[in-house]
């Protein structure tokens, strides 16, 4: 699991925006356990309980993220996945836009990425987050070695 966070000033912060990324097959229990812990800590740190989960419309962990948001009463923002109609670099540009949206306008952006082996899409999303000044807080390379 990888956690990246871009903090804003506490007084100006509007929302905590969370991007959840990972493999197509993933355990909801592990997602819930980690998201509860990470989002709970962000809410306590910022004294702000306005949480928005950002998902794309593809299957897998994105559907679990959406279910998690509904279960916890969080606002959901869906980013349409239109990469099949665009160029090869569309995924990179889309990931950059997602990470910029997550931290735009004095919002606190958090990326929770669950890595499964060598998934280039997740690596690219992490690189995009780092490019827009997210802070690297915790990393674990594979799900088999997930230590929380």
Protein backbone atom coordinates (compact mmCIF):
# COMPACT_ATOMS: atom_id res chain seq x y z
CA UNK A 1 0.00 0.00 0.00
CA UNK A 2 1.18 3.49 -0.75
CA UNK A 3 -0.13 6.62 0.88
CA UNK A 4 0.56 10.06 -0.55
CA UNK A 5 -0.85 13.25 0.89
CA UNK A 6 -0.91 16.91 -0.09
CA UNK A 7 -1.85 19.08 2.87
CA UNK A 8 -3.23 22.56 2.75
CA UNK A 9 -3.51 25.13 5.51
CA UNK A 10 -6.07 24.00 8.08
CA UNK A 11 -8.06 27.22 8.05
CA UNK A 12 -8.51 27.29 4.26
CA UNK A 13 -9.20 23.62 3.63
CA UNK A 14 -12.53 22.81 2.02
CA UNK A 15 -12.53 19.01 1.65
CA UNK A 16 -10.42 15.95 2.15
CA UNK A 17 -10.36 14.38 -1.33
CA UNK A 18 -9.30 10.76 -1.49
CA UNK A 19 -8.25 8.83 -4.58
CA UNK A 20 -8.31 5.06 -4.05
CA UNK A 21 -6.36 3.05 -6.61
CA UNK A 22 -5.36 -0.56 -6.98
CA UNK A 23 -5.81 -3.84 -8.80
CA UNK A 24 -9.04 -5.07 -10.38
CA UNK A 25 -9.38 -7.83 -7.79
CA UNK A 26 -9.09 -6.69 -4.20
CA UNK A 27 -10.57 -7.47 -0.81
CA UNK A 28 -13.16 -4.97 0.41
CA UNK A 29 -12.23 -5.78 4.01
CA UNK A 30 -8.61 -4.70 3.43
CA UNK A 31 -9.73 -1.57 1.59
CA UNK A 32 -12.16 -0.65 4.37
CA UNK A 33 -9.67 -1.29 7.15
CA UNK A 34 -6.97 0.86 5.56
CA UNK A 35 -9.30 3.64 4.38
CA UNK A 36 -10.99 3.86 7.79
CA UNK A 37 -7.59 4.29 9.43
CA UNK A 38 -6.12 6.74 6.92
CA UNK A 39 -9.21 8.88 6.38
CA UNK A 40 -9.98 8.84 10.10
CA UNK A 41 -6.49 10.17 10.84
CA UNK A 42 -6.83 12.88 8.15
CA UNK A 43 -10.17 13.98 9.64
CA UNK A 44 -8.66 14.14 13.14
CA UNK A 45 -5.57 16.02 11.91
CA UNK A 46 -7.52 18.61 9.95
CA UNK A 47 -10.63 18.90 12.15
CA UNK A 48 -12.60 18.61 8.91
CA UNK A 49 -15.07 15.82 8.18
CA UNK A 50 -15.91 16.86 4.60
CA UNK A 51 -14.62 13.83 2.68
CA UNK A 52 -14.95 13.21 -1.05
CA UNK A 53 -13.94 9.91 -2.66
CA UNK A 54 -12.73 10.22 -6.26
CA UNK A 55 -13.32 7.17 -8.46
CA UNK A 56 -13.23 6.44 -12.12
CA UNK A 57 -15.97 4.43 -13.77
CA UNK A 58 -13.97 1.24 -14.35
CA UNK A 59 -14.48 -2.02 -12.50
CA UNK A 60 -12.45 -3.41 -9.64
CA UNK A 61 -11.19 -1.36 -6.75
CA UNK A 62 -12.99 1.71 -8.11
CA UNK A 63 -16.35 0.05 -7.49
CA UNK A 64 -15.18 -0.90 -4.01
CA UNK A 65 -14.13 2.71 -3.40
CA UNK A 66 -17.55 3.90 -4.50
CA UNK A 67 -19.25 1.35 -2.25
CA UNK A 68 -17.01 2.45 0.64
CA UNK A 69 -17.99 6.10 0.06
CA UNK A 70 -21.70 5.28 0.04
CA UNK A 71 -21.38 3.13 3.15
CA UNK A 72 -19.71 5.99 5.03
CA UNK A 73 -21.84 8.83 3.70
CA UNK A 74 -19.00 10.46 1.76
CA UNK A 75 -19.49 12.50 -1.40
CA UNK A 76 -18.46 10.70 -4.60
CA UNK A 77 -16.87 12.26 -7.68
CA UNK A 78 -16.73 9.99 -10.70
CA UNK A 79 -14.15 10.59 -13.39
CA UNK A 80 -15.21 8.94 -16.64
CA UNK A 81 -12.70 6.50 -18.07
CA UNK A 82 -12.45 7.44 -21.74
CA UNK A 83 -8.92 6.21 -22.34
CA UNK A 84 -9.91 3.60 -24.91
CA UNK A 85 -10.85 6.44 -27.25
CA UNK A 86 -7.69 8.46 -26.70
CA UNK A 87 -3.96 8.17 -27.37
CA UNK A 88 -1.44 6.03 -25.54
CA UNK A 89 -0.51 8.97 -23.28
CA UNK A 90 -4.12 9.51 -22.27
CA UNK A 91 -3.69 7.47 -19.07
CA UNK A 92 -0.82 9.68 -17.94
CA UNK A 93 -2.77 12.87 -18.62
CA UNK A 94 -5.90 11.48 -16.95
CA UNK A 95 -3.93 10.47 -13.84
CA UNK A 96 -2.37 13.93 -13.64
CA UNK A 97 -5.80 15.58 -13.87
CA UNK A 98 -7.18 13.31 -11.15
CA UNK A 99 -4.34 14.15 -8.77
CA UNK A 100 -4.57 17.87 -9.52
CA UNK A 101 -8.35 17.80 -8.99
CA UNK A 102 -7.90 16.03 -5.66
CA UNK A 103 -5.83 18.87 -4.24
CA UNK A 104 -7.26 21.86 -6.13
CA UNK A 105 -8.78 24.92 -4.43
CA UNK A 106 -7.37 24.43 -0.94
CA UNK A 107 -8.51 20.81 -0.65
CA UNK A 108 -6.34 18.16 0.97
CA UNK A 109 -5.55 15.44 -1.57
CA UNK A 110 -4.84 11.89 -0.45
CA UNK A 111 -3.85 8.99 -2.68
CA UNK A 112 -4.29 5.52 -1.22
CA UNK A 113 -2.74 3.10 -3.72
CA UNK A 114 -2.75 -0.66 -3.28
CA UNK A 115 0.00 -2.14 -5.44
CA UNK A 116 -0.27 -5.61 -6.95
CA UNK A 117 3.05 -6.73 -8.40
CA UNK A 118 4.26 -4.34 -11.10
CA UNK A 119 1.16 -2.45 -12.13
CA UNK A 120 2.28 0.38 -14.43
CA UNK A 121 -1.02 2.24 -14.04
CA UNK A 122 -0.57 2.50 -10.27
CA UNK A 123 3.09 3.47 -10.63
CA UNK A 124 2.07 6.19 -13.08
CA UNK A 125 -0.61 7.52 -10.73
CA UNK A 126 1.95 7.66 -7.90
CA UNK A 127 4.41 9.51 -10.16
CA UNK A 128 1.68 12.01 -11.10
CA UNK A 129 0.89 12.57 -7.43
CA UNK A 130 4.55 13.23 -6.67
CA UNK A 131 4.75 15.62 -9.63
CA UNK A 132 1.98 17.76 -8.14
CA UNK A 133 3.69 17.91 -4.71
CA UNK A 134 2.06 15.07 -2.80
CA UNK A 135 4.11 13.97 0.19
CA UNK A 136 5.18 10.35 0.41
CA UNK A 137 4.05 8.99 3.77
CA UNK A 138 4.09 5.20 3.59
CA UNK A 139 4.90 2.61 0.94
CA UNK A 140 4.68 -1.17 0.71
CA UNK A 141 5.54 -2.84 -2.55
CA UNK A 142 3.09 -5.73 -2.84
CA UNK A 143 -0.16 -6.90 -1.32
CA UNK A 144 1.59 -10.01 -0.06
CA UNK A 145 3.83 -7.82 2.09
CA UNK A 146 1.16 -5.38 3.20
CA UNK A 147 2.09 -4.11 6.65
CA UNK A 148 -0.24 -1.62 8.29
